[in-house]
C-alpha atoms as a PDB file:
ATOM      1  CA  MET A   1     179.696  51.559 -71.994  1.00  0.00           C
ATOM      2  CA  LYS A   2     181.703  48.394 -71.388  1.00  0.00           C
ATOM      3  CA  ASN A   3     180.871  45.035 -72.984  1.00  0.00           C
ATOM      4  CA  VAL A   4     180.914  41.969 -70.736  1.00  0.00           C
ATOM      5  CA  THR A   5     180.532  38.347 -71.801  1.00  0.00           C
ATOM      6  CA  PHE A   6     178.712  35.805 -69.628  1.00  0.00           C
ATOM      7  CA  SER A   7     177.859  32.200 -70.255  1.00  0.00           C
ATOM      8  CA  ALA A   8     174.591  30.479 -69.363  1.00  0.00           C
ATOM      9  CA  ASP A   9     172.466  27.561 -70.429  1.00  0.00           C
ATOM     10  CA  GLU A  10     170.803  28.139 -73.816  1.00  0.00           C
ATOM     11  CA  ASP A  11     167.322  27.505 -72.395  1.00  0.00           C
ATOM     12  CA  LEU A  12     167.928  30.070 -69.646  1.00  0.00           C
ATOM     13  CA  ILE A  13     169.043  32.690 -72.142  1.00  0.00           C
ATOM     14  CA  GLU A  14     166.098  32.014 -74.444  1.00  0.00           C
ATOM     15  CA  GLY A  15     163.687  32.228 -71.510  1.00  0.00           C
ATOM     16  CA  ALA A  16     165.244  35.538 -70.462  1.00  0.00           C
ATOM     17  CA  ARG A  17     164.927  36.872 -74.024  1.00  0.00           C
ATOM     18  CA  LEU A  18     161.253  35.899 -74.143  1.00  0.00           C
ATOM     19  CA  ALA A  19     160.606  37.514 -70.752  1.00  0.00           C
ATOM     20  CA  ALA A  20     162.345  40.729 -71.830  1.00  0.00           C
ATOM     21  CA  ARG A  21     160.454  40.746 -75.135  1.00  0.00           C
ATOM     22  CA  SER A  22     157.135  40.358 -73.299  1.00  0.00           C
ATOM     23  CA  GLN A  23     158.053  43.499 -71.330  1.00  0.00           C
ATOM     24  CA  ARG A  24     158.984  45.269 -74.581  1.00  0.00           C
ATOM     25  CA  ARG A  25     162.618  45.561 -73.486  1.00  0.00           C
ATOM     26  CA  SER A  26     165.882  44.196 -74.733  1.00  0.00           C
ATOM     27  CA  LEU A  27     167.738  41.560 -72.778  1.00  0.00           C
ATOM     28  CA  ASN A  28     170.534  44.111 -72.302  1.00  0.00           C
ATOM     29  CA  ALA A  29     168.139  46.618 -70.738  1.00  0.00           C
ATOM     30  CA  ALA A  30     166.727  43.952 -68.422  1.00  0.00           C
ATOM     31  CA  PHE A  31     170.224  42.892 -67.416  1.00  0.00           C
ATOM     32  CA  ARG A  32     171.277  46.497 -66.705  1.00  0.00           C
ATOM     33  CA  GLU A  33     168.226  46.885 -64.469  1.00  0.00           C
ATOM     34  CA  TRP A  34     169.128  43.653 -62.668  1.00  0.00           C
ATOM     35  CA  LEU A  35     172.683  44.934 -62.106  1.00  0.00           C
ATOM     36  CA  LEU A  36     171.324  48.118 -60.530  1.00  0.00           C
ATOM     37  CA  GLN A  37     169.097  46.094 -58.196  1.00  0.00           C
ATOM     38  CA  PHE A  38     171.996  43.792 -57.329  1.00  0.00           C
ATOM     39  CA  ILE A  39     174.170  46.757 -56.380  1.00  0.00           C
ATOM     40  CA  ALA A  40     171.351  48.299 -54.313  1.00  0.00           C
ATOM     41  CA  GLN A  41     170.924  45.055 -52.354  1.00  0.00           C
ATOM     42  CA  ALA A  42     174.629  44.958 -51.588  1.00  0.00           C
ATOM     43  CA  GLY A  43     174.405  48.554 -50.358  1.00  0.00           C
ATOM     44  CA  ASN A  44     171.484  47.648 -48.084  1.00  0.00           C
ATOM     45  CA  GLY A  45     173.510  44.831 -46.568  1.00  0.00           C
ATOM     46  CA  GLN A  46     176.347  47.222 -45.840  1.00  0.00           C
ATOM     47  CA  GLN A  47     173.919  49.625 -44.163  1.00  0.00           C
ATOM     48  CA  VAL A  48     172.598  46.835 -41.944  1.00  0.00           C
ATOM     49  CA  ASP A  49     176.154  45.810 -41.030  1.00  0.00           C
ATOM     50  CA  ALA A  50     176.992  49.407 -40.097  1.00  0.00           C
ATOM     51  CA  LEU A  51     173.862  49.657 -37.929  1.00  0.00           C
ATOM     52  CA  MET A  52     174.706  46.409 -36.142  1.00  0.00           C
ATOM     53  CA  ARG A  53     178.228  47.676 -35.434  1.00  0.00           C
ATOM     54  CA  ARG A  54     176.773  50.849 -33.905  1.00  0.00           C
ATOM     55  CA  LEU A  55     174.288  48.858 -31.805  1.00  0.00           C
ATOM     56  CA  ARG A  56     176.999  46.662 -30.263  1.00  0.00           C
ATOM     57  CA  ARG A  57     177.604  49.448 -27.752  1.00  0.00           C
ATOM     58  CA  VAL A  58     173.983  49.323 -26.561  1.00  0.00           C
ATOM     59  CA  THR A  59     173.522  47.325 -23.368  1.00  0.00           C
ATOM     60  CA  ALA A  60     170.354  46.311 -21.552  1.00  0.00           C
ATOM     61  CA  GLY A  61     171.856  47.171 -18.175  1.00  0.00           C
ATOM     62  CA  GLY A  62     172.358  43.634 -16.958  1.00  0.00           C
ATOM     63  CA  ARG A  63     170.908  40.160 -17.079  1.00  0.00           C
ATOM     64  CA  PHE A  64     167.222  39.686 -16.422  1.00  0.00           C
ATOM     65  CA  SER A  65     165.403  36.717 -14.947  1.00  0.00           C
ATOM     66  CA  ARG A  66     162.700  34.988 -16.940  1.00  0.00           C
ATOM     67  CA  ASP A  67     160.031  36.582 -14.735  1.00  0.00           C
ATOM     68  CA  GLU A  68     161.498  40.057 -15.215  1.00  0.00           C
ATOM     69  CA  MET A  69     161.558  39.629 -18.999  1.00  0.00           C
ATOM     70  CA  ASN A  70     157.921  38.517 -19.013  1.00  0.00           C
ATOM     71  CA  GLU A  71     156.586  41.314 -16.779  1.00  0.00           C
ATOM     72  CA  ARG A  72     154.020  43.442 -18.506  1.00  0.00           C
END
C-alpha cells in the first residue's frame, strides 16, 4: 500500500474524522472507499463518451419539418 499526503482545512479534516467515526470506520477506510467511487465515476464517463462516438454514425434520414416531428 502506498502512502499519500494531502492537505485540507483543519475543520474539514475534523469533520471527516467525526463522520467516519460515526460510521465505525477509519478516515483512511472512508477515503479508500471514496477513491474507488471516484474511479468508477470516471469509468462511467468514458463509457458514455464511447457510446456517443458510436452514435455519431446514426442519422435520422434527413431533416424534418416541425409538423412532421410533432405527428403522433
